[in-house]
Amino acid sequence: MKIAKQALDDVGLGGAASRLAGEASHGMQRRVEFAREIMLAPDLLLLDEPHSALDPTAIELVEHIVAGVLERGGAVVLVSHDVDKVAPMVTRTAELKVGTVR
């Protein structure tokens, strides 16, 4: 339980731990997803449009989570239409265009 509380604190939701999921905004639900990733400490993180509908603070959370995975020697695969936002987090890129990966 302490790990969950710390993860919620890390994403700015420490005061909302008793709130029902149906009462949470979309942004809060995304932050809960980030808290889950912090708790699981995955070796492989797959993110599809990770910056979608996020405020600047939540975007920093995405970058923090990605950095944590990479620091542990893990890998991150990002899929995004917003190359500028993911550029600081990536070391290699591939482009999918008309069904072909380049």
PDB file of N, CA and C in Angstrom:
ATOM      1  N   MET A   1       0.823  -1.197   0.000  1.00  0.00           N
ATOM      2  CA  MET A   1       0.000   0.000   0.000  1.00  0.00           C
ATOM      3  C   MET A   1       0.865   1.258   0.000  1.00  0.00           C
ATOM      4  N   LYS A   2       2.007   1.193   0.696  1.00  0.00           N
ATOM      5  CA  LYS A   2       2.898   2.334   0.756  1.00  0.00           C
ATOM      6  C   LYS A   2       3.459   2.659  -0.624  1.00  0.00           C
ATOM      7  N   ILE A   3       3.740   1.643  -1.417  1.00  0.00           N
ATOM      8  CA  ILE A   3       4.262   1.860  -2.774  1.00  0.00           C
ATOM      9  C   ILE A   3       3.221   2.584  -3.623  1.00  0.00           C
ATOM     10  N   ALA A   4       1.957   2.177  -3.515  1.00  0.00           N
ATOM     11  CA  ALA A   4       0.890   2.817  -4.279  1.00  0.00           C
ATOM     12  C   ALA A   4       0.736   4.273  -3.863  1.00  0.00           C
ATOM     13  N   LYS A   5       0.776   4.551  -2.573  1.00  0.00           N
ATOM     14  CA  LYS A   5       0.645   5.920  -2.074  1.00  0.00           C
ATOM     15  C   LYS A   5       1.782   6.783  -2.609  1.00  0.00           C
ATOM     16  N   GLN A   6       2.999   6.252  -2.584  1.00  0.00           N
ATOM     17  CA  GLN A   6       4.151   7.006  -3.084  1.00  0.00           C
ATOM     18  C   GLN A   6       4.017   7.279  -4.579  1.00  0.00           C
ATOM     19  N   ALA A   7       3.561   6.285  -5.337  1.00  0.00           N
ATOM     20  CA  ALA A   7       3.384   6.460  -6.779  1.00  0.00           C
ATOM     21  C   ALA A   7       2.333   7.524  -7.061  1.00  0.00           C
ATOM     22  N   LEU A   8       1.236   7.523  -6.310  1.00  0.00           N
ATOM     23  CA  LEU A   8       0.209   8.557  -6.491  1.00  0.00           C
ATOM     24  C   LEU A   8       0.757   9.937  -6.125  1.00  0.00           C
ATOM     25  N   ASP A   9       1.548  10.000  -5.065  1.00  0.00           N
ATOM     26  CA  ASP A   9       2.184  11.272  -4.703  1.00  0.00           C
ATOM     27  C   ASP A   9       3.092  11.751  -5.834  1.00  0.00           C
ATOM     28  N   ASP A  10       3.845  10.817  -6.417  1.00  0.00           N
ATOM     29  CA  ASP A  10       4.787  11.160  -7.487  1.00  0.00           C
ATOM     30  C   ASP A  10       4.104  11.781  -8.695  1.00  0.00           C
ATOM     31  N   VAL A  11       2.856  11.398  -8.953  1.00  0.00           N
ATOM     32  CA  VAL A  11       2.139  11.940 -10.118  1.00  0.00           C
ATOM     33  C   VAL A  11       1.149  13.038  -9.740  1.00  0.00           C
ATOM     34  N   GLY A  12       1.215  13.492  -8.486  1.00  0.00           N
ATOM     35  CA  GLY A  12       0.378  14.601  -8.057  1.00  0.00           C
ATOM     36  C   GLY A  12      -1.038  14.232  -7.675  1.00  0.00           C
ATOM     37  N   LEU A  13      -1.275  12.963  -7.363  1.00  0.00           N
ATOM     38  CA  LEU A  13      -2.629  12.525  -7.009  1.00  0.00           C
ATOM     39  C   LEU A  13      -2.721  11.958  -5.596  1.00  0.00           C
ATOM     40  N   GLY A  14      -1.777  12.292  -4.744  1.00  0.00           N
ATOM     41  CA  GLY A  14      -1.777  11.760  -3.386  1.00  0.00           C
ATOM     42  C   GLY A  14      -3.060  12.044  -2.637  1.00  0.00           C
ATOM     43  N   GLY A  15      -3.655  13.200  -2.852  1.00  0.00           N
ATOM     44  CA  GLY A  15      -4.881  13.564  -2.162  1.00  0.00           C
ATOM     45  C   GLY A  15      -6.141  12.960  -2.760  1.00  0.00           C
ATOM     46  N   ALA A  16      -6.008  12.250  -3.864  1.00  0.00           N
ATOM     47  CA  ALA A  16      -7.177  11.701  -4.553  1.00  0.00           C
ATOM     48  C   ALA A  16      -7.238  10.178  -4.480  1.00  0.00           C
ATOM     49  N   ALA A  17      -6.493   9.581  -3.575  1.00  0.00           N
ATOM     50  CA  ALA A  17      -6.394   8.114  -3.511  1.00  0.00           C
ATOM     51  C   ALA A  17      -7.737   7.440  -3.253  1.00  0.00           C
ATOM     52  N   SER A  18      -8.631   8.093  -2.540  1.00  0.00           N
ATOM     53  CA  SER A  18      -9.920   7.461  -2.218  1.00  0.00           C
ATOM     54  C   SER A  18     -10.999   7.756  -3.258  1.00  0.00           C
ATOM     55  N   ARG A  19     -10.685   8.520  -4.267  1.00  0.00           N
ATOM     56  CA  ARG A  19     -11.645   8.894  -5.303  1.00  0.00           C
ATOM     57  C   ARG A  19     -11.927   7.719  -6.229  1.00  0.00           C
ATOM     58  N   LEU A  20     -13.172   7.553  -6.643  1.00  0.00           N
ATOM     59  CA  LEU A  20     -13.544   6.500  -7.581  1.00  0.00           C
ATOM     60  C   LEU A  20     -13.087   6.873  -8.989  1.00  0.00           C
ATOM     61  N   ALA A  21     -12.724   5.873  -9.768  1.00  0.00           N
ATOM     62  CA  ALA A  21     -12.228   6.113 -11.127  1.00  0.00           C
ATOM     63  C   ALA A  21     -13.251   6.871 -11.963  1.00  0.00           C
ATOM     64  N   GLY A  22     -14.534   6.579 -11.790  1.00  0.00           N
ATOM     65  CA  GLY A  22     -15.583   7.251 -12.553  1.00  0.00           C
ATOM     66  C   GLY A  22     -15.702   8.726 -12.240  1.00  0.00           C
ATOM     67  N   GLU A  23     -15.150   9.146 -11.116  1.00  0.00           N
ATOM     68  CA  GLU A  23     -15.193  10.554 -10.716  1.00  0.00           C
ATOM     69  C   GLU A  23     -13.972  11.325 -11.204  1.00  0.00           C
ATOM     70  N   ALA A  24     -13.013  10.626 -11.745  1.00  0.00           N
ATOM     71  CA  ALA A  24     -11.752  11.260 -12.153  1.00  0.00           C
ATOM     72  C   ALA A  24     -11.849  11.807 -13.572  1.00  0.00           C
ATOM     73  N   SER A  25     -11.185  12.923 -13.781  1.00  0.00           N
ATOM     74  CA  SER A  25     -11.108  13.498 -15.127  1.00  0.00           C
ATOM     75  C   SER A  25     -10.211  12.625 -15.994  1.00  0.00           C
ATOM     76  N   HIS A  26     -10.239  12.876 -17.292  1.00  0.00           N
ATOM     77  CA  HIS A  26      -9.375  12.126 -18.211  1.00  0.00           C
ATOM     78  C   HIS A  26      -7.899  12.330 -17.845  1.00  0.00           C
ATOM     79  N   GLY A  27      -7.545  13.559 -17.523  1.00  0.00           N
ATOM     80  CA  GLY A  27      -6.167  13.848 -17.134  1.00  0.00           C
ATOM     81  C   GLY A  27      -5.756  13.099 -15.882  1.00  0.00           C
ATOM     82  N   MET A  28      -6.664  13.001 -14.911  1.00  0.00           N
ATOM     83  CA  MET A  28      -6.364  12.254 -13.692  1.00  0.00           C
ATOM     84  C   MET A  28      -6.217  10.764 -14.000  1.00  0.00           C
ATOM     85  N   GLN A  29      -7.046  10.251 -14.877  1.00  0.00           N
ATOM     86  CA  GLN A  29      -6.940   8.844 -15.251  1.00  0.00           C
ATOM     87  C   GLN A  29      -5.594   8.567 -15.910  1.00  0.00           C
ATOM     88  N   ARG A  30      -5.120   9.489 -16.742  1.00  0.00           N
ATOM     89  CA  ARG A  30      -3.801   9.320 -17.366  1.00  0.00           C
ATOM     90  C   ARG A  30      -2.702   9.327 -16.308  1.00  0.00           C
ATOM     91  N   ARG A  31      -2.823  10.204 -15.306  1.00  0.00           N
ATOM     92  CA  ARG A  31      -1.833  10.239 -14.232  1.00  0.00           C
ATOM     93  C   ARG A  31      -1.830   8.932 -13.438  1.00  0.00           C
ATOM     94  N   VAL A  32      -3.003   8.325 -13.266  1.00  0.00           N
ATOM     95  CA  VAL A  32      -3.062   7.022 -12.595  1.00  0.00           C
ATOM     96  C   VAL A  32      -2.315   5.978 -13.423  1.00  0.00           C
ATOM     97  N   GLU A  33      -2.443   6.054 -14.733  1.00  0.00           N
ATOM     98  CA  GLU A  33      -1.679   5.148 -15.606  1.00  0.00           C
ATOM     99  C   GLU A  33      -0.178   5.324 -15.365  1.00  0.00           C
ATOM    100  N   PHE A  34       0.260   6.572 -15.213  1.00  0.00           N
ATOM    101  CA  PHE A  34       1.671   6.838 -14.951  1.00  0.00           C
ATOM    102  C   PHE A  34       2.085   6.275 -13.596  1.00  0.00           C
ATOM    103  N   ALA A  35       1.220   6.423 -12.597  1.00  0.00           N
ATOM    104  CA  ALA A  35       1.520   5.884 -11.267  1.00  0.00           C
ATOM    105  C   ALA A  35       1.696   4.368 -11.338  1.00  0.00           C
ATOM    106  N   ARG A  36       0.856   3.719 -12.110  1.00  0.00           N
ATOM    107  CA  ARG A  36       0.957   2.260 -12.274  1.00  0.00           C
ATOM    108  C   ARG A  36       2.305   1.893 -12.888  1.00  0.00           C
ATOM    109  N   GLU A  37       2.743   2.651 -13.875  1.00  0.00           N
ATOM    110  CA  GLU A  37       4.035   2.374 -14.500  1.00  0.00           C
ATOM    111  C   GLU A  37       5.184   2.578 -13.521  1.00  0.00           C
ATOM    112  N   ILE A  38       5.076   3.595 -12.677  1.00  0.00           N
ATOM    113  CA  ILE A  38       6.108   3.827 -11.669  1.00  0.00           C
ATOM    114  C   ILE A  38       6.165   2.649 -10.703  1.00  0.00           C
ATOM    115  N   MET A  39       5.011   2.154 -10.286  1.00  0.00           N
ATOM    116  CA  MET A  39       4.969   1.025  -9.344  1.00  0.00           C
ATOM    117  C   MET A  39       5.516  -0.255  -9.960  1.00  0.00           C
ATOM    118  N   LEU A  40       5.200  -0.501 -11.208  1.00  0.00           N
ATOM    119  CA  LEU A  40       5.619  -1.740 -11.862  1.00  0.00           C
ATOM    120  C   LEU A  40       7.091  -1.740 -12.251  1.00  0.00           C
ATOM    121  N   ALA A  41       7.674  -0.553 -12.440  1.00  0.00           N
ATOM    122  CA  ALA A  41       9.075  -0.417 -12.852  1.00  0.00           C
ATOM    123  C   ALA A  41       9.404  -1.389 -13.984  1.00  0.00           C
ATOM    124  N   PRO A  42       8.734  -1.251 -15.133  1.00  0.00           N
ATOM    125  CA  PRO A  42       8.925  -2.208 -16.227  1.00  0.00           C
ATOM    126  C   PRO A  42      10.299  -2.114 -16.889  1.00  0.00           C
ATOM    127  N   ASP A  43      10.716  -3.225 -17.474  1.00  0.00           N
ATOM    128  CA  ASP A  43      11.940  -3.247 -18.270  1.00  0.00           C
ATOM    129  C   ASP A  43      11.655  -2.824 -19.708  1.00  0.00           C
ATOM    130  N   LEU A  44      10.409  -2.975 -20.133  1.00  0.00           N
ATOM    131  CA  LEU A  44       9.980  -2.569 -21.470  1.00  0.00           C
ATOM    132  C   LEU A  44       8.713  -1.744 -21.329  1.00  0.00           C
ATOM    133  N   LEU A  45       8.723  -0.564 -21.890  1.00  0.00           N
ATOM    134  CA  LEU A  45       7.582   0.332 -21.826  1.00  0.00           C
ATOM    135  C   LEU A  45       7.126   0.635 -23.242  1.00  0.00           C
ATOM    136  N   LEU A  46       5.865   0.363 -23.539  1.00  0.00           N
ATOM    137  CA  LEU A  46       5.275   0.641 -24.844  1.00  0.00           C
ATOM    138  C   LEU A  46       4.294   1.796 -24.679  1.00  0.00           C
ATOM    139  N   LEU A  47       4.526   2.886 -25.385  1.00  0.00           N
ATOM    140  CA  LEU A  47       3.686   4.069 -25.263  1.00  0.00           C
ATOM    141  C   LEU A  47       3.128   4.475 -26.619  1.00  0.00           C
ATOM    142  N   ASP A  48       1.812   4.576 -26.688  1.00  0.00           N
ATOM    143  CA  ASP A  48       1.134   5.008 -27.907  1.00  0.00           C
ATOM    144  C   ASP A  48       0.591   6.414 -27.658  1.00  0.00           C
ATOM    145  N   GLU A  49       1.094   7.378 -28.397  1.00  0.00           N
ATOM    146  CA  GLU A  49       0.707   8.783 -28.252  1.00  0.00           C
ATOM    147  C   GLU A  49       0.772   9.208 -26.774  1.00  0.00           C
ATOM    148  N   PRO A  50       1.945   9.113 -26.153  1.00  0.00           N
ATOM    149  CA  PRO A  50       2.056   9.359 -24.715  1.00  0.00           C
ATOM    150  C   PRO A  50       1.734  10.779 -24.276  1.00  0.00           C
ATOM    151  N   HIS A  51       1.788  11.754 -25.162  1.00  0.00           N
ATOM    152  CA  HIS A  51       1.536  13.137 -24.780  1.00  0.00           C
ATOM    153  C   HIS A  51       0.099  13.580 -25.050  1.00  0.00           C
ATOM    154  N   SER A  52      -0.716  12.697 -25.571  1.00  0.00           N
ATOM    155  CA  SER A  52      -2.087  13.036 -25.951  1.00  0.00           C
ATOM    156  C   SER A  52      -2.885  13.542 -24.745  1.00  0.00           C
ATOM    157  N   ALA A  53      -3.464  14.727 -24.895  1.00  0.00           N
ATOM    158  CA  ALA A  53      -4.350  15.344 -23.903  1.00  0.00           C
ATOM    159  C   ALA A  53      -3.689  15.567 -22.553  1.00  0.00           C
ATOM    160  N   LEU A  54      -2.392  15.862 -22.546  1.00  0.00           N
ATOM    161  CA  LEU A  54      -1.701  16.094 -21.288  1.00  0.00           C
ATOM    162  C   LEU A  54      -1.327  17.559 -21.120  1.00  0.00           C
ATOM    163  N   ASP A  55      -1.356  18.000 -19.870  1.00  0.00           N
ATOM    164  CA  ASP A  55      -0.869  19.335 -19.551  1.00  0.00           C
ATOM    165  C   ASP A  55       0.661  19.280 -19.444  1.00  0.00           C
ATOM    166  N   PRO A  56       1.335  20.430 -19.423  1.00  0.00           N
ATOM    167  CA  PRO A  56       2.801  20.438 -19.397  1.00  0.00           C
ATOM    168  C   PRO A  56       3.407  19.640 -18.236  1.00  0.00           C
ATOM    169  N   THR A  57       2.780  19.671 -17.072  1.00  0.00           N
ATOM    170  CA  THR A  57       3.302  18.925 -15.923  1.00  0.00           C
ATOM    171  C   THR A  57       3.224  17.427 -16.175  1.00  0.00           C
ATOM    172  N   ALA A  58       2.134  16.977 -16.760  1.00  0.00           N
ATOM    173  CA  ALA A  58       1.980  15.548 -17.058  1.00  0.00           C
ATOM    174  C   ALA A  58       2.953  15.115 -18.153  1.00  0.00           C
ATOM    175  N   ILE A  59       3.251  16.000 -19.085  1.00  0.00           N
ATOM    176  CA  ILE A  59       4.248  15.688 -20.117  1.00  0.00           C
ATOM    177  C   ILE A  59       5.597  15.438 -19.463  1.00  0.00           C
ATOM    178  N   GLU A  60       5.930  16.221 -18.444  1.00  0.00           N
ATOM    179  CA  GLU A  60       7.166  16.003 -17.694  1.00  0.00           C
ATOM    180  C   GLU A  60       7.149  14.636 -17.009  1.00  0.00           C
ATOM    181  N   LEU A  61       5.983  14.205 -16.540  1.00  0.00           N
ATOM    182  CA  LEU A  61       5.863  12.882 -15.920  1.00  0.00           C
ATOM    183  C   LEU A  61       6.205  11.782 -16.922  1.00  0.00           C
ATOM    184  N   VAL A  62       5.721  11.922 -18.148  1.00  0.00           N
ATOM    185  CA  VAL A  62       6.026  10.941 -19.189  1.00  0.00           C
ATOM    186  C   VAL A  62       7.539  10.859 -19.371  1.00  0.00           C
ATOM    187  N   GLU A  63       8.165  12.012 -19.481  1.00  0.00           N
ATOM    188  CA  GLU A  63       9.610  12.047 -19.675  1.00  0.00           C
ATOM    189  C   GLU A  63      10.345  11.434 -18.485  1.00  0.00           C
ATOM    190  N   HIS A  64       9.847  11.665 -17.271  1.00  0.00           N
ATOM    191  CA  HIS A  64      10.438  11.094 -16.055  1.00  0.00           C
ATOM    192  C   HIS A  64      10.332   9.567 -16.061  1.00  0.00           C
ATOM    193  N   ILE A  65       9.183   9.058 -16.435  1.00  0.00           N
ATOM    194  CA  ILE A  65       8.963   7.608 -16.469  1.00  0.00           C
ATOM    195  C   ILE A  65       9.861   6.968 -17.526  1.00  0.00           C
ATOM    196  N   VAL A  66       9.930   7.575 -18.707  1.00  0.00           N
ATOM    197  CA  VAL A  66      10.798   7.063 -19.776  1.00  0.00           C
ATOM    198  C   VAL A  66      12.246   7.047 -19.301  1.00  0.00           C
ATOM    199  N   ALA A  67      12.686   8.142 -18.691  1.00  0.00           N
ATOM    200  CA  ALA A  67      14.070   8.217 -18.202  1.00  0.00           C
ATOM    201  C   ALA A  67      14.340   7.132 -17.166  1.00  0.00           C
ATOM    202  N   GLY A  68      13.374   6.870 -16.284  1.00  0.00           N
ATOM    203  CA  GLY A  68      13.551   5.835 -15.265  1.00  0.00           C
ATOM    204  C   GLY A  68      13.744   4.456 -15.875  1.00  0.00           C
ATOM    205  N   VAL A  69      12.957   4.145 -16.881  1.00  0.00           N
ATOM    206  CA  VAL A  69      13.083   2.847 -17.554  1.00  0.00           C
ATOM    207  C   VAL A  69      14.459   2.735 -18.207  1.00  0.00           C
ATOM    208  N   LEU A  70      14.877   3.779 -18.889  1.00  0.00           N
ATOM    209  CA  LEU A  70      16.172   3.760 -19.577  1.00  0.00           C
ATOM    210  C   LEU A  70      17.329   3.680 -18.587  1.00  0.00           C
ATOM    211  N   GLU A  71      17.224   4.375 -17.461  1.00  0.00           N
ATOM    212  CA  GLU A  71      18.276   4.336 -16.443  1.00  0.00           C
ATOM    213  C   GLU A  71      18.434   2.941 -15.854  1.00  0.00           C
ATOM    214  N   ARG A  72      17.351   2.187 -15.795  1.00  0.00           N
ATOM    215  CA  ARG A  72      17.408   0.813 -15.279  1.00  0.00           C
ATOM    216  C   ARG A  72      17.886  -0.171 -16.338  1.00  0.00           C
ATOM    217  N   GLY A  73      18.224   0.332 -17.520  1.00  0.00           N
ATOM    218  CA  GLY A  73      18.693  -0.540 -18.590  1.00  0.00           C
ATOM    219  C   GLY A  73      17.571  -1.122 -19.425  1.00  0.00           C
ATOM    220  N   GLY A  74      16.365  -0.598 -19.265  1.00  0.00           N
ATOM    221  CA  GLY A  74      15.221  -1.080 -20.026  1.00  0.00           C
ATOM    222  C   GLY A  74      15.119  -0.396 -21.381  1.00  0.00           C
ATOM    223  N   ALA A  75      14.024  -0.667 -22.053  1.00  0.00           N
ATOM    224  CA  ALA A  75      13.787  -0.108 -23.381  1.00  0.00           C
ATOM    225  C   ALA A  75      12.395   0.516 -23.441  1.00  0.00           C
ATOM    226  N   VAL A  76      12.258   1.509 -24.290  1.00  0.00           N
ATOM    227  CA  VAL A  76      10.985   2.200 -24.471  1.00  0.00           C
ATOM    228  C   VAL A  76      10.693   2.274 -25.955  1.00  0.00           C
ATOM    229  N   VAL A  77       9.472   1.928 -26.330  1.00  0.00           N
ATOM    230  CA  VAL A  77       9.013   2.083 -27.706  1.00  0.00           C
ATOM    231  C   VAL A  77       7.888   3.114 -27.670  1.00  0.00           C
ATOM    232  N   LEU A  78       8.083   4.209 -28.401  1.00  0.00           N
ATOM    233  CA  LEU A  78       7.097   5.287 -28.466  1.00  0.00           C
ATOM    234  C   LEU A  78       6.499   5.344 -29.861  1.00  0.00           C
ATOM    235  N   VAL A  79       5.194   5.504 -29.924  1.00  0.00           N
ATOM    236  CA  VAL A  79       4.519   5.739 -31.191  1.00  0.00           C
ATOM    237  C   VAL A  79       3.852   7.105 -31.052  1.00  0.00           C
ATOM    238  N   SER A  80       4.182   8.010 -31.969  1.00  0.00           N
ATOM    239  CA  SER A  80       3.631   9.353 -31.853  1.00  0.00           C
ATOM    240  C   SER A  80       3.600  10.043 -33.204  1.00  0.00           C
ATOM    241  N   HIS A  81       2.614  10.917 -33.342  1.00  0.00           N
ATOM    242  CA  HIS A  81       2.553  11.790 -34.506  1.00  0.00           C
ATOM    243  C   HIS A  81       3.309  13.087 -34.236  1.00  0.00           C
ATOM    244  N   ASP A  82       3.628  13.335 -32.970  1.00  0.00           N
ATOM    245  CA  ASP A  82       4.279  14.577 -32.573  1.00  0.00           C
ATOM    246  C   ASP A  82       5.772  14.338 -32.337  1.00  0.00           C
ATOM    247  N   VAL A  83       6.522  14.345 -33.414  1.00  0.00           N
ATOM    248  CA  VAL A  83       7.954  14.043 -33.370  1.00  0.00           C
ATOM    249  C   VAL A  83       8.703  15.025 -32.473  1.00  0.00           C
ATOM    250  N   ASP A  84       8.314  16.287 -32.489  1.00  0.00           N
ATOM    251  CA  ASP A  84       9.009  17.292 -31.681  1.00  0.00           C
ATOM    252  C   ASP A  84       8.929  16.992 -30.184  1.00  0.00           C
ATOM    253  N   LYS A  85       7.785  16.504 -29.724  1.00  0.00           N
ATOM    254  CA  LYS A  85       7.628  16.219 -28.297  1.00  0.00           C
ATOM    255  C   LYS A  85       8.388  14.972 -27.864  1.00  0.00           C
ATOM    256  N   VAL A  86       8.497  13.982 -28.720  1.00  0.00           N
ATOM    257  CA  VAL A  86       9.189  12.759 -28.311  1.00  0.00           C
ATOM    258  C   VAL A  86      10.684  12.796 -28.607  1.00  0.00           C
ATOM    259  N   ALA A  87      11.114  13.738 -29.438  1.00  0.00           N
ATOM    260  CA  ALA A  87      12.526  13.804 -29.830  1.00  0.00           C
ATOM    261  C   ALA A  87      13.500  13.815 -28.657  1.00  0.00           C
ATOM    262  N   PRO A  88      13.227  14.561 -27.577  1.00  0.00           N
ATOM    263  CA  PRO A  88      14.179  14.558 -26.468  1.00  0.00           C
ATOM    264  C   PRO A  88      14.301  13.204 -25.755  1.00  0.00           C
ATOM    265  N   MET A  89      13.367  12.318 -25.975  1.00  0.00           N
ATOM    266  CA  MET A  89      13.350  11.041 -25.262  1.00  0.00           C
ATOM    267  C   MET A  89      13.876   9.871 -26.072  1.00  0.00           C
ATOM    268  N   VAL A  90      14.165  10.065 -27.342  1.00  0.00           N
ATOM    269  CA  VAL A  90      14.498   8.922 -28.193  1.00  0.00           C
ATOM    270  C   VAL A  90      15.955   8.932 -28.639  1.00  0.00           C
ATOM    271  N   THR A  91      16.457   7.733 -28.911  1.00  0.00           N
ATOM    272  CA  THR A  91      17.808   7.606 -29.448  1.00  0.00           C
ATOM    273  C   THR A  91      17.784   7.112 -30.888  1.00  0.00           C
ATOM    274  N   ARG A  92      16.708   6.428 -31.257  1.00  0.00           N
ATOM    275  CA  ARG A  92      16.544   5.957 -32.638  1.00  0.00           C
ATOM    276  C   ARG A  92      15.102   6.169 -33.050  1.00  0.00           C
ATOM    277  N   THR A  93      14.918   6.393 -34.351  1.00  0.00           N
ATOM    278  CA  THR A  93      13.559   6.575 -34.861  1.00  0.00           C
ATOM    279  C   THR A  93      13.325   5.705 -36.089  1.00  0.00           C
ATOM    280  N   ALA A  94      12.074   5.439 -36.320  1.00  0.00           N
ATOM    281  CA  ALA A  94      11.640   4.775 -37.551  1.00  0.00           C
ATOM    282  C   ALA A  94      10.335   5.441 -37.951  1.00  0.00           C
ATOM    283  N   GLU A  95      10.139   5.585 -39.228  1.00  0.00           N
ATOM    284  CA  GLU A  95       8.931   6.226 -39.735  1.00  0.00           C
ATOM    285  C   GLU A  95       8.110   5.200 -40.498  1.00  0.00           C
ATOM    286  N   LEU A  96       6.819   5.172 -40.199  1.00  0.00           N
ATOM    287  CA  LEU A  96       5.890   4.309 -40.926  1.00  0.00           C
ATOM    288  C   LEU A  96       5.146   5.193 -41.912  1.00  0.00           C
ATOM    289  N   LYS A  97       5.339   4.912 -43.188  1.00  0.00           N
ATOM    290  CA  LYS A  97       4.690   5.729 -44.215  1.00  0.00           C
ATOM    291  C   LYS A  97       4.154   4.792 -45.298  1.00  0.00           C
ATOM    292  N   VAL A  98       2.848   4.851 -45.491  1.00  0.00           N
ATOM    293  CA  VAL A  98       2.143   4.048 -46.476  1.00  0.00           C
ATOM    294  C   VAL A  98       2.503   2.570 -46.301  1.00  0.00           C
ATOM    295  N   GLY A  99       2.496   2.111 -45.039  1.00  0.00           N
ATOM    296  CA  GLY A  99       2.725   0.701 -44.759  1.00  0.00           C
ATOM    297  C   GLY A  99       4.165   0.238 -44.793  1.00  0.00           C
ATOM    298  N   THR A 100       5.103   1.175 -44.969  1.00  0.00           N
ATOM    299  CA  THR A 100       6.516   0.818 -45.037  1.00  0.00           C
ATOM    300  C   THR A 100       7.269   1.506 -43.902  1.00  0.00           C
ATOM    301  N   VAL A 101       8.124   0.756 -43.206  1.00  0.00           N
ATOM    302  CA  VAL A 101       8.953   1.316 -42.142  1.00  0.00           C
ATOM    303  C   VAL A 101      10.278   1.767 -42.727  1.00  0.00           C
ATOM    304  N   ARG A 102      10.647   3.002 -42.432  1.00  0.00           N
ATOM    305  CA  ARG A 102      11.929   3.539 -42.909  1.00  0.00           C
ATOM    306  C   ARG A 102      12.797   3.911 -41.747  1.00  0.00           C
TER     307      ARG A 102
END
